[in-house]
């Protein structure tokens, strides 16, 4: 086989794998959208694009699904320029213009606020997220967006679950769909069923112009990073474990937890008929 023929064959194989991955991401994203009724006919979806692999992939997959969907919905991309040093402000506008995507760039110096308020060496993510969220809600209202789409994936959701358990004493993750605190906005996470490794591979195939986060991306010893590494070790040791853990979030039995607000333990009494939430609730069929 000649070197040219070998190269062509390698390129064909790479394209095949890329197409297969894209189909998988489209299928999982479409399934999440249907399961949680994330997008309905006539929606105007504001896709928050940070310049990272996840948000680029979210935008690309939604653009693909819009072409095939039995409903009509509009997409507008939004990026917040937080005035971080050396932020390449031209990258996203150039990319979005090239893709033919309607977009809006917001400008808000949250970087200076975070650096002023948070002591050196402390985690900046919480305050940065709150400030960014406020801007996102304001812009969504200005743009007439009916849904706000974020690029969080399956691994983000599981990491949040363990972070809340380990450090917040709460059994709480990220919801695939939620109502904002002020009740005015619906936030959706269409990539909720997608693995981070698939998103990273897809971003590499598509050669997205990735913009690193200089504010928090390089912070050492983040609690989230520690949890991420723990989950990766579990998955490496027992492949499929993270899928099982995510399915557990969709298969909750309040009677077998310990929250008296979710289940009436005080009012539990013997009865003459079988109890649906009894001690066999987790038995195999």
C-alpha atoms as a PDB file:
ATOM      1  CA  UNK A   1       0.000   0.000   0.000  1.00  0.00           C
ATOM      2  CA  UNK A   2       1.410   3.411  -0.962  1.00  0.00           C
ATOM      3  CA  UNK A   3       1.835   6.151   1.613  1.00  0.00           C
ATOM      4  CA  UNK A   4      -0.902   8.204  -0.100  1.00  0.00           C
ATOM      5  CA  UNK A   5      -3.348   5.297  -0.039  1.00  0.00           C
ATOM      6  CA  UNK A   6      -2.511   4.612   3.608  1.00  0.00           C
ATOM      7  CA  UNK A   7      -3.112   8.281   4.464  1.00  0.00           C
ATOM      8  CA  UNK A   8      -6.447   8.299   2.634  1.00  0.00           C
ATOM      9  CA  UNK A   9      -7.535   5.186   4.467  1.00  0.00           C
ATOM     10  CA  UNK A  10      -6.550   6.703   7.814  1.00  0.00           C
ATOM     11  CA  UNK A  11      -8.494   9.863   6.980  1.00  0.00           C
ATOM     12  CA  UNK A  12     -11.548   7.826   6.012  1.00  0.00           C
ATOM     13  CA  UNK A  13     -11.363   5.899   9.281  1.00  0.00           C
ATOM     14  CA  UNK A  14     -11.014   9.135  11.260  1.00  0.00           C
ATOM     15  CA  UNK A  15     -14.018  10.633   9.459  1.00  0.00           C
ATOM     16  CA  UNK A  16     -16.057   7.486  10.111  1.00  0.00           C
ATOM     17  CA  UNK A  17     -15.286   7.623  13.833  1.00  0.00           C
ATOM     18  CA  UNK A  18     -16.078  11.334  13.913  1.00  0.00           C
ATOM     19  CA  UNK A  19     -19.453  10.778  12.229  1.00  0.00           C
ATOM     20  CA  UNK A  20     -20.271   7.936  14.603  1.00  0.00           C
ATOM     21  CA  UNK A  21     -19.433  10.112  17.596  1.00  0.00           C
ATOM     22  CA  UNK A  22     -21.532  12.974  16.247  1.00  0.00           C
ATOM     23  CA  UNK A  23     -24.513  10.665  15.768  1.00  0.00           C
ATOM     24  CA  UNK A  24     -24.149   9.408  19.349  1.00  0.00           C
ATOM     25  CA  UNK A  25     -24.024  12.926  20.758  1.00  0.00           C
ATOM     26  CA  UNK A  26     -27.031  13.967  18.675  1.00  0.00           C
ATOM     27  CA  UNK A  27     -29.002  10.935  19.835  1.00  0.00           C
ATOM     28  CA  UNK A  28     -28.199  11.462  23.523  1.00  0.00           C
ATOM     29  CA  UNK A  29     -28.900  15.192  23.339  1.00  0.00           C
ATOM     30  CA  UNK A  30     -32.191  14.667  21.513  1.00  0.00           C
ATOM     31  CA  UNK A  31     -33.203  12.059  24.096  1.00  0.00           C
ATOM     32  CA  UNK A  32     -32.497  14.442  26.978  1.00  0.00           C
ATOM     33  CA  UNK A  33     -34.452  17.203  25.240  1.00  0.00           C
ATOM     34  CA  UNK A  34     -37.444  14.893  24.813  1.00  0.00           C
ATOM     35  CA  UNK A  35     -37.248  13.345  28.307  1.00  0.00           C
ATOM     36  CA  UNK A  36     -37.319  16.726  30.030  1.00  0.00           C
ATOM     37  CA  UNK A  37     -39.264  18.703  27.403  1.00  0.00           C
ATOM     38  CA  UNK A  38     -36.372  21.138  27.180  1.00  0.00           C
ATOM     39  CA  UNK A  39     -37.248  22.749  23.850  1.00  0.00           C
ATOM     40  CA  UNK A  40     -40.716  23.216  22.376  1.00  0.00           C
ATOM     41  CA  UNK A  41     -42.048  24.708  19.169  1.00  0.00           C
ATOM     42  CA  UNK A  42     -41.386  28.431  18.894  1.00  0.00           C
ATOM     43  CA  UNK A  43     -38.649  28.576  21.533  1.00  0.00           C
ATOM     44  CA  UNK A  44     -35.803  31.051  21.271  1.00  0.00           C
ATOM     45  CA  UNK A  45     -32.833  29.272  22.836  1.00  0.00           C
ATOM     46  CA  UNK A  46     -29.935  31.347  24.111  1.00  0.00           C
ATOM     47  CA  UNK A  47     -26.873  29.088  24.021  1.00  0.00           C
ATOM     48  CA  UNK A  48     -24.181  30.277  26.415  1.00  0.00           C
ATOM     49  CA  UNK A  49     -20.828  29.846  24.658  1.00  0.00           C
ATOM     50  CA  UNK A  50     -17.764  30.324  26.841  1.00  0.00           C
ATOM     51  CA  UNK A  51     -15.168  29.196  24.332  1.00  0.00           C
ATOM     52  CA  UNK A  52     -14.686  25.816  25.994  1.00  0.00           C
ATOM     53  CA  UNK A  53     -15.158  22.379  24.431  1.00  0.00           C
ATOM     54  CA  UNK A  54     -18.534  21.764  26.089  1.00  0.00           C
ATOM     55  CA  UNK A  55     -20.283  24.946  24.977  1.00  0.00           C
ATOM     56  CA  UNK A  56     -18.890  24.702  21.432  1.00  0.00           C
ATOM     57  CA  UNK A  57     -20.214  21.146  21.211  1.00  0.00           C
ATOM     58  CA  UNK A  58     -23.586  22.152  22.651  1.00  0.00           C
ATOM     59  CA  UNK A  59     -24.007  24.843  20.020  1.00  0.00           C
ATOM     60  CA  UNK A  60     -22.930  22.542  17.183  1.00  0.00           C
ATOM     61  CA  UNK A  61     -25.240  19.693  18.218  1.00  0.00           C
ATOM     62  CA  UNK A  62     -28.224  22.008  18.657  1.00  0.00           C
ATOM     63  CA  UNK A  63     -27.593  23.474  15.203  1.00  0.00           C
ATOM     64  CA  UNK A  64     -27.605  19.950  13.762  1.00  0.00           C
ATOM     65  CA  UNK A  65     -30.752  18.947  15.654  1.00  0.00           C
ATOM     66  CA  UNK A  66     -32.582  22.097  14.571  1.00  0.00           C
ATOM     67  CA  UNK A  67     -32.254  20.987  10.948  1.00  0.00           C
ATOM     68  CA  UNK A  68     -33.885  17.622  11.705  1.00  0.00           C
ATOM     69  CA  UNK A  69     -36.337  18.489  14.465  1.00  0.00           C
ATOM     70  CA  UNK A  70     -40.100  18.237  13.858  1.00  0.00           C
ATOM     71  CA  UNK A  71     -40.462  21.586  15.625  1.00  0.00           C
ATOM     72  CA  UNK A  72     -39.120  25.052  14.862  1.00  0.00           C
ATOM     73  CA  UNK A  73     -36.922  26.905  17.325  1.00  0.00           C
ATOM     74  CA  UNK A  74     -34.470  29.777  17.116  1.00  0.00           C
ATOM     75  CA  UNK A  75     -30.872  29.810  18.365  1.00  0.00           C
ATOM     76  CA  UNK A  76     -28.872  32.805  19.525  1.00  0.00           C
ATOM     77  CA  UNK A  77     -25.377  32.357  20.936  1.00  0.00           C
ATOM     78  CA  UNK A  78     -24.236  34.463  23.876  1.00  0.00           C
ATOM     79  CA  UNK A  79     -20.746  35.027  25.207  1.00  0.00           C
ATOM     80  CA  UNK A  80     -19.796  37.117  28.200  1.00  0.00           C
ATOM     81  CA  UNK A  81     -16.491  38.954  27.925  1.00  0.00           C
ATOM     82  CA  UNK A  82     -15.509  39.145  31.607  1.00  0.00           C
ATOM     83  CA  UNK A  83     -12.459  41.316  30.869  1.00  0.00           C
ATOM     84  CA  UNK A  84      -9.954  38.664  31.822  1.00  0.00           C
ATOM     85  CA  UNK A  85      -6.370  39.571  30.916  1.00  0.00           C
ATOM     86  CA  UNK A  86      -5.311  38.440  27.458  1.00  0.00           C
ATOM     87  CA  UNK A  87      -8.850  37.320  26.566  1.00  0.00           C
ATOM     88  CA  UNK A  88      -8.925  36.964  22.759  1.00  0.00           C
ATOM     89  CA  UNK A  89     -12.113  38.894  22.130  1.00  0.00           C
ATOM     90  CA  UNK A  90     -12.095  38.281  18.386  1.00  0.00           C
ATOM     91  CA  UNK A  91     -12.132  34.468  18.491  1.00  0.00           C
ATOM     92  CA  UNK A  92     -15.800  33.804  19.224  1.00  0.00           C
ATOM     93  CA  UNK A  93     -17.243  36.571  17.008  1.00  0.00           C
ATOM     94  CA  UNK A  94     -15.095  35.332  14.132  1.00  0.00           C
ATOM     95  CA  UNK A  95     -16.143  31.721  14.676  1.00  0.00           C
ATOM     96  CA  UNK A  96     -19.858  32.476  15.109  1.00  0.00           C
ATOM     97  CA  UNK A  97     -19.881  34.724  12.050  1.00  0.00           C
ATOM     98  CA  UNK A  98     -18.217  31.970  10.031  1.00  0.00           C
ATOM     99  CA  UNK A  99     -20.847  29.468  11.225  1.00  0.00           C
ATOM    100  CA  UNK A 100     -23.646  31.884  10.362  1.00  0.00           C
ATOM    101  CA  UNK A 101     -24.974  31.929  13.926  1.00  0.00           C
ATOM    102  CA  UNK A 102     -26.844  34.880  15.383  1.00  0.00           C
ATOM    103  CA  UNK A 103     -24.906  35.992  18.454  1.00  0.00           C
ATOM    104  CA  UNK A 104     -24.572  38.616  21.139  1.00  0.00           C
ATOM    105  CA  UNK A 105     -21.392  39.486  23.038  1.00  0.00           C
ATOM    106  CA  UNK A 106     -21.848  40.936  26.511  1.00  0.00           C
ATOM    107  CA  UNK A 107     -19.179  42.981  28.277  1.00  0.00           C
ATOM    108  CA  UNK A 108     -18.995  42.981  32.074  1.00  0.00           C
ATOM    109  CA  UNK A 109     -15.834  43.315  34.162  1.00  0.00           C
ATOM    110  CA  UNK A 110     -16.576  40.510  36.622  1.00  0.00           C
ATOM    111  CA  UNK A 111     -12.894  39.598  36.622  1.00  0.00           C
ATOM    112  CA  UNK A 112     -11.878  42.671  38.629  1.00  0.00           C
ATOM    113  CA  UNK A 113     -14.709  42.083  41.098  1.00  0.00           C
ATOM    114  CA  UNK A 114     -13.677  38.477  41.708  1.00  0.00           C
ATOM    115  CA  UNK A 115      -9.994  39.353  42.101  1.00  0.00           C
ATOM    116  CA  UNK A 116     -10.862  42.168  44.526  1.00  0.00           C
ATOM    117  CA  UNK A 117     -13.267  40.154  46.686  1.00  0.00           C
ATOM    118  CA  UNK A 118     -11.651  36.698  46.728  1.00  0.00           C
ATOM    119  CA  UNK A 119      -8.361  36.363  48.569  1.00  0.00           C
ATOM    120  CA  UNK A 120      -5.379  35.074  46.625  1.00  0.00           C
ATOM    121  CA  UNK A 121      -5.328  31.282  46.559  1.00  0.00           C
ATOM    122  CA  UNK A 122      -9.048  30.905  47.384  1.00  0.00           C
ATOM    123  CA  UNK A 123     -11.509  29.337  44.950  1.00  0.00           C
ATOM    124  CA  UNK A 124     -13.065  31.921  42.650  1.00  0.00           C
ATOM    125  CA  UNK A 125     -15.650  29.710  40.903  1.00  0.00           C
ATOM    126  CA  UNK A 126     -18.642  30.345  43.184  1.00  0.00           C
ATOM    127  CA  UNK A 127     -18.561  34.149  43.017  1.00  0.00           C
ATOM    128  CA  UNK A 128     -17.646  34.138  39.326  1.00  0.00           C
ATOM    129  CA  UNK A 129     -20.641  31.885  38.584  1.00  0.00           C
ATOM    130  CA  UNK A 130     -23.054  34.085  40.536  1.00  0.00           C
ATOM    131  CA  UNK A 131     -21.916  37.242  38.780  1.00  0.00           C
ATOM    132  CA  UNK A 132     -22.032  35.550  35.382  1.00  0.00           C
ATOM    133  CA  UNK A 133     -25.487  34.108  36.079  1.00  0.00           C
ATOM    134  CA  UNK A 134     -26.897  37.566  36.830  1.00  0.00           C
ATOM    135  CA  UNK A 135     -25.650  38.888  33.494  1.00  0.00           C
ATOM    136  CA  UNK A 136     -26.960  35.843  31.630  1.00  0.00           C
ATOM    137  CA  UNK A 137     -30.474  36.292  33.026  1.00  0.00           C
ATOM    138  CA  UNK A 138     -30.491  39.985  32.178  1.00  0.00           C
ATOM    139  CA  UNK A 139     -29.315  39.415  28.614  1.00  0.00           C
ATOM    140  CA  UNK A 140     -31.758  36.522  28.100  1.00  0.00           C
ATOM    141  CA  UNK A 141     -34.608  38.885  28.910  1.00  0.00           C
ATOM    142  CA  UNK A 142     -33.228  41.524  26.541  1.00  0.00           C
ATOM    143  CA  UNK A 143     -32.903  39.001  23.708  1.00  0.00           C
ATOM    144  CA  UNK A 144     -36.354  37.526  24.278  1.00  0.00           C
ATOM    145  CA  UNK A 145     -34.919  34.070  25.000  1.00  0.00           C
ATOM    146  CA  UNK A 146     -37.411  31.530  26.305  1.00  0.00           C
ATOM    147  CA  UNK A 147     -34.719  28.989  27.252  1.00  0.00           C
ATOM    148  CA  UNK A 148     -31.120  29.358  28.430  1.00  0.00           C
ATOM    149  CA  UNK A 149     -28.930  26.428  27.361  1.00  0.00           C
ATOM    150  CA  UNK A 150     -25.769  25.577  29.313  1.00  0.00           C
ATOM    151  CA  UNK A 151     -23.066  23.101  28.329  1.00  0.00           C
ATOM    152  CA  UNK A 152     -22.943  21.004  31.501  1.00  0.00           C
ATOM    153  CA  UNK A 153     -22.642  17.268  30.822  1.00  0.00           C
ATOM    154  CA  UNK A 154     -23.139  13.985  32.678  1.00  0.00           C
ATOM    155  CA  UNK A 155     -19.801  14.196  34.485  1.00  0.00           C
ATOM    156  CA  UNK A 156     -20.501  17.754  35.671  1.00  0.00           C
ATOM    157  CA  UNK A 157     -23.783  16.560  37.160  1.00  0.00           C
ATOM    158  CA  UNK A 158     -22.167  13.646  38.997  1.00  0.00           C
ATOM    159  CA  UNK A 159     -19.280  15.794  40.252  1.00  0.00           C
ATOM    160  CA  UNK A 160     -21.797  18.283  41.643  1.00  0.00           C
ATOM    161  CA  UNK A 161     -23.645  15.453  43.389  1.00  0.00           C
ATOM    162  CA  UNK A 162     -20.511  14.357  45.222  1.00  0.00           C
ATOM    163  CA  UNK A 163     -19.363  17.911  45.940  1.00  0.00           C
ATOM    164  CA  UNK A 164     -22.687  18.606  47.637  1.00  0.00           C
ATOM    165  CA  UNK A 165     -22.481  15.374  49.622  1.00  0.00           C
ATOM    166  CA  UNK A 166     -18.852  15.777  50.685  1.00  0.00           C
ATOM    167  CA  UNK A 167     -18.825  19.509  51.400  1.00  0.00           C
ATOM    168  CA  UNK A 168     -22.450  20.662  51.628  1.00  0.00           C
ATOM    169  CA  UNK A 169     -24.214  17.748  53.380  1.00  0.00           C
ATOM    170  CA  UNK A 170     -26.855  17.741  50.633  1.00  0.00           C
ATOM    171  CA  UNK A 171     -28.067  15.068  48.248  1.00  0.00           C
ATOM    172  CA  UNK A 172     -28.226  17.482  45.323  1.00  0.00           C
ATOM    173  CA  UNK A 173     -26.850  17.564  41.776  1.00  0.00           C
ATOM    174  CA  UNK A 174     -27.456  19.709  38.674  1.00  0.00           C
ATOM    175  CA  UNK A 175     -30.945  19.465  37.230  1.00  0.00           C
ATOM    176  CA  UNK A 176     -31.217  18.867  33.456  1.00  0.00           C
ATOM    177  CA  UNK A 177     -33.939  21.514  33.488  1.00  0.00           C
ATOM    178  CA  UNK A 178     -34.679  24.092  36.153  1.00  0.00           C
ATOM    179  CA  UNK A 179     -36.445  27.329  36.926  1.00  0.00           C
ATOM    180  CA  UNK A 180     -34.216  30.286  37.847  1.00  0.00           C
ATOM    181  CA  UNK A 181     -34.393  31.679  41.391  1.00  0.00           C
ATOM    182  CA  UNK A 182     -36.413  34.672  40.236  1.00  0.00           C
ATOM    183  CA  UNK A 183     -38.840  32.362  38.423  1.00  0.00           C
ATOM    184  CA  UNK A 184     -38.428  34.171  35.104  1.00  0.00           C
ATOM    185  CA  UNK A 185     -36.122  31.846  33.171  1.00  0.00           C
ATOM    186  CA  UNK A 186     -35.961  28.165  32.219  1.00  0.00           C
ATOM    187  CA  UNK A 187     -32.387  26.828  32.210  1.00  0.00           C
ATOM    188  CA  UNK A 188     -31.680  23.634  30.281  1.00  0.00           C
ATOM    189  CA  UNK A 189     -28.677  21.308  30.032  1.00  0.00           C
ATOM    190  CA  UNK A 190     -29.167  19.356  26.795  1.00  0.00           C
ATOM    191  CA  UNK A 191     -25.815  17.536  27.179  1.00  0.00           C
ATOM    192  CA  UNK A 192     -26.946  15.940  30.460  1.00  0.00           C
ATOM    193  CA  UNK A 193     -26.629  12.407  29.014  1.00  0.00           C
ATOM    194  CA  UNK A 194     -23.252  13.005  27.299  1.00  0.00           C
ATOM    195  CA  UNK A 195     -19.856  11.901  28.633  1.00  0.00           C
ATOM    196  CA  UNK A 196     -17.099  14.453  28.980  1.00  0.00           C
ATOM    197  CA  UNK A 197     -14.649  12.186  27.146  1.00  0.00           C
ATOM    198  CA  UNK A 198     -16.969  12.146  24.121  1.00  0.00           C
ATOM    199  CA  UNK A 199     -17.224  15.938  24.166  1.00  0.00           C
ATOM    200  CA  UNK A 200     -13.449  16.295  24.336  1.00  0.00           C
ATOM    201  CA  UNK A 201     -12.992  13.899  21.422  1.00  0.00           C
ATOM    202  CA  UNK A 202     -15.659  15.675  19.377  1.00  0.00           C
ATOM    203  CA  UNK A 203     -14.086  19.078  20.034  1.00  0.00           C
ATOM    204  CA  UNK A 204     -10.761  17.706  18.845  1.00  0.00           C
ATOM    205  CA  UNK A 205     -12.326  16.335  15.661  1.00  0.00           C
ATOM    206  CA  UNK A 206     -14.026  19.663  14.965  1.00  0.00           C
ATOM    207  CA  UNK A 207     -10.915  21.708  15.872  1.00  0.00           C
ATOM    208  CA  UNK A 208     -12.934  24.276  17.803  1.00  0.00           C
ATOM    209  CA  UNK A 209     -10.929  27.419  18.670  1.00  0.00           C
ATOM    210  CA  UNK A 210     -10.780  26.715  22.423  1.00  0.00           C
ATOM    211  CA  UNK A 211     -10.361  29.682  24.771  1.00  0.00           C
ATOM    212  CA  UNK A 212      -8.903  28.680  28.180  1.00  0.00           C
ATOM    213  CA  UNK A 213     -10.241  30.223  31.398  1.00  0.00           C
ATOM    214  CA  UNK A 214      -7.377  32.245  32.889  1.00  0.00           C
ATOM    215  CA  UNK A 215      -9.411  33.134  35.968  1.00  0.00           C
ATOM    216  CA  UNK A 216     -10.032  29.730  37.532  1.00  0.00           C
ATOM    217  CA  UNK A 217      -8.893  27.126  35.018  1.00  0.00           C
ATOM    218  CA  UNK A 218      -5.376  27.013  36.405  1.00  0.00           C
ATOM    219  CA  UNK A 219      -6.278  27.020  40.106  1.00  0.00           C
ATOM    220  CA  UNK A 220      -4.634  24.072  41.889  1.00  0.00           C
ATOM    221  CA  UNK A 221      -6.355  21.796  44.401  1.00  0.00           C
ATOM    222  CA  UNK A 222      -9.923  22.692  43.440  1.00  0.00           C
ATOM    223  CA  UNK A 223     -12.469  20.489  45.209  1.00  0.00           C
ATOM    224  CA  UNK A 224     -14.195  19.818  41.886  1.00  0.00           C
ATOM    225  CA  UNK A 225     -10.945  18.647  40.330  1.00  0.00           C
ATOM    226  CA  UNK A 226     -10.370  16.262  43.224  1.00  0.00           C
ATOM    227  CA  UNK A 227     -13.860  14.797  42.806  1.00  0.00           C
ATOM    228  CA  UNK A 228     -13.359  14.562  39.035  1.00  0.00           C
ATOM    229  CA  UNK A 229     -10.196  12.527  39.528  1.00  0.00           C
ATOM    230  CA  UNK A 230     -11.989  10.262  42.019  1.00  0.00           C
ATOM    231  CA  UNK A 231     -14.807   9.542  39.577  1.00  0.00           C
ATOM    232  CA  UNK A 232     -12.322   8.934  36.756  1.00  0.00           C
ATOM    233  CA  UNK A 233     -10.503   6.373  38.903  1.00  0.00           C
ATOM    234  CA  UNK A 234     -13.790   4.587  39.625  1.00  0.00           C
ATOM    235  CA  UNK A 235     -14.715   4.521  35.952  1.00  0.00           C
ATOM    236  CA  UNK A 236     -11.273   3.218  34.988  1.00  0.00           C
ATOM    237  CA  UNK A 237     -11.471   0.466  37.583  1.00  0.00           C
ATOM    238  CA  UNK A 238     -15.100  -0.420  36.831  1.00  0.00           C
ATOM    239  CA  UNK A 239     -16.212   0.781  33.352  1.00  0.00           C
ATOM    240  CA  UNK A 240     -19.879   1.757  33.290  1.00  0.00           C
ATOM    241  CA  UNK A 241     -19.998   2.808  36.923  1.00  0.00           C
ATOM    242  CA  UNK A 242     -20.673   6.462  36.093  1.00  0.00           C
ATOM    243  CA  UNK A 243     -23.563   5.472  33.812  1.00  0.00           C
ATOM    244  CA  UNK A 244     -25.051   3.496  36.700  1.00  0.00           C
ATOM    245  CA  UNK A 245     -24.579   6.415  39.060  1.00  0.00           C
ATOM    246  CA  UNK A 246     -26.321   8.803  36.677  1.00  0.00           C
ATOM    247  CA  UNK A 247     -29.231   6.388  36.226  1.00  0.00           C
ATOM    248  CA  UNK A 248     -29.530   6.319  40.016  1.00  0.00           C
ATOM    249  CA  UNK A 249     -30.369  10.032  39.895  1.00  0.00           C
ATOM    250  CA  UNK A 250     -33.327   9.099  37.704  1.00  0.00           C
ATOM    251  CA  UNK A 251     -34.433   6.243  39.970  1.00  0.00           C
ATOM    252  CA  UNK A 252     -34.859   7.747  43.433  1.00  0.00           C
ATOM    253  CA  UNK A 253     -36.715   6.001  46.283  1.00  0.00           C
ATOM    254  CA  UNK A 254     -37.476   8.628  48.983  1.00  0.00           C
ATOM    255  CA  UNK A 255     -38.712   5.901  51.343  1.00  0.00           C
ATOM    256  CA  UNK A 256     -35.179   4.482  51.402  1.00  0.00           C
ATOM    257  CA  UNK A 257     -33.400   7.729  52.177  1.00  0.00           C
ATOM    258  CA  UNK A 258     -33.711   9.708  55.422  1.00  0.00           C
ATOM    259  CA  UNK A 259     -35.339  13.047  54.562  1.00  0.00           C
ATOM    260  CA  UNK A 260     -38.528  13.488  56.591  1.00  0.00           C
ATOM    261  CA  UNK A 261     -39.634  16.270  54.232  1.00  0.00           C
ATOM    262  CA  UNK A 262     -39.709  13.856  51.268  1.00  0.00           C
ATOM    263  CA  UNK A 263     -41.290  10.878  53.007  1.00  0.00           C
ATOM    264  CA  UNK A 264     -43.694  10.591  55.928  1.00  0.00           C
ATOM    265  CA  UNK A 265     -41.684   8.294  58.185  1.00  0.00           C
ATOM    266  CA  UNK A 266     -43.637   9.403  61.269  1.00  0.00           C
ATOM    267  CA  UNK A 267     -46.932   8.433  59.681  1.00  0.00           C
ATOM    268  CA  UNK A 268     -45.731   5.010  58.485  1.00  0.00           C
ATOM    269  CA  UNK A 269     -48.027   2.295  59.888  1.00  0.00           C
ATOM    270  CA  UNK A 270     -48.706  -1.399  59.129  1.00  0.00           C
ATOM    271  CA  UNK A 271     -51.376  -2.005  56.504  1.00  0.00           C
ATOM    272  CA  UNK A 272     -53.308  -4.949  55.086  1.00  0.00           C
ATOM    273  CA  UNK A 273     -52.144  -4.503  51.471  1.00  0.00           C
ATOM    274  CA  UNK A 274     -48.664  -4.586  49.877  1.00  0.00           C
ATOM    275  CA  UNK A 275     -46.671  -1.367  50.208  1.00  0.00           C
ATOM    276  CA  UNK A 276     -45.203  -0.183  46.875  1.00  0.00           C
ATOM    277  CA  UNK A 277     -42.266   1.555  48.559  1.00  0.00           C
ATOM    278  CA  UNK A 278     -41.517  -1.283  50.937  1.00  0.00           C
ATOM    279  CA  UNK A 279     -38.270  -3.138  51.564  1.00  0.00           C
ATOM    280  CA  UNK A 280     -38.290  -4.731  48.095  1.00  0.00           C
ATOM    281  CA  UNK A 281     -38.226  -1.409  46.243  1.00  0.00           C
ATOM    282  CA  UNK A 282     -34.695  -2.019  44.925  1.00  0.00           C
ATOM    283  CA  UNK A 283     -35.053  -5.762  44.253  1.00  0.00           C
ATOM    284  CA  UNK A 284     -34.635  -6.900  40.666  1.00  0.00           C
ATOM    285  CA  UNK A 285     -37.864  -7.604  38.792  1.00  0.00           C
END
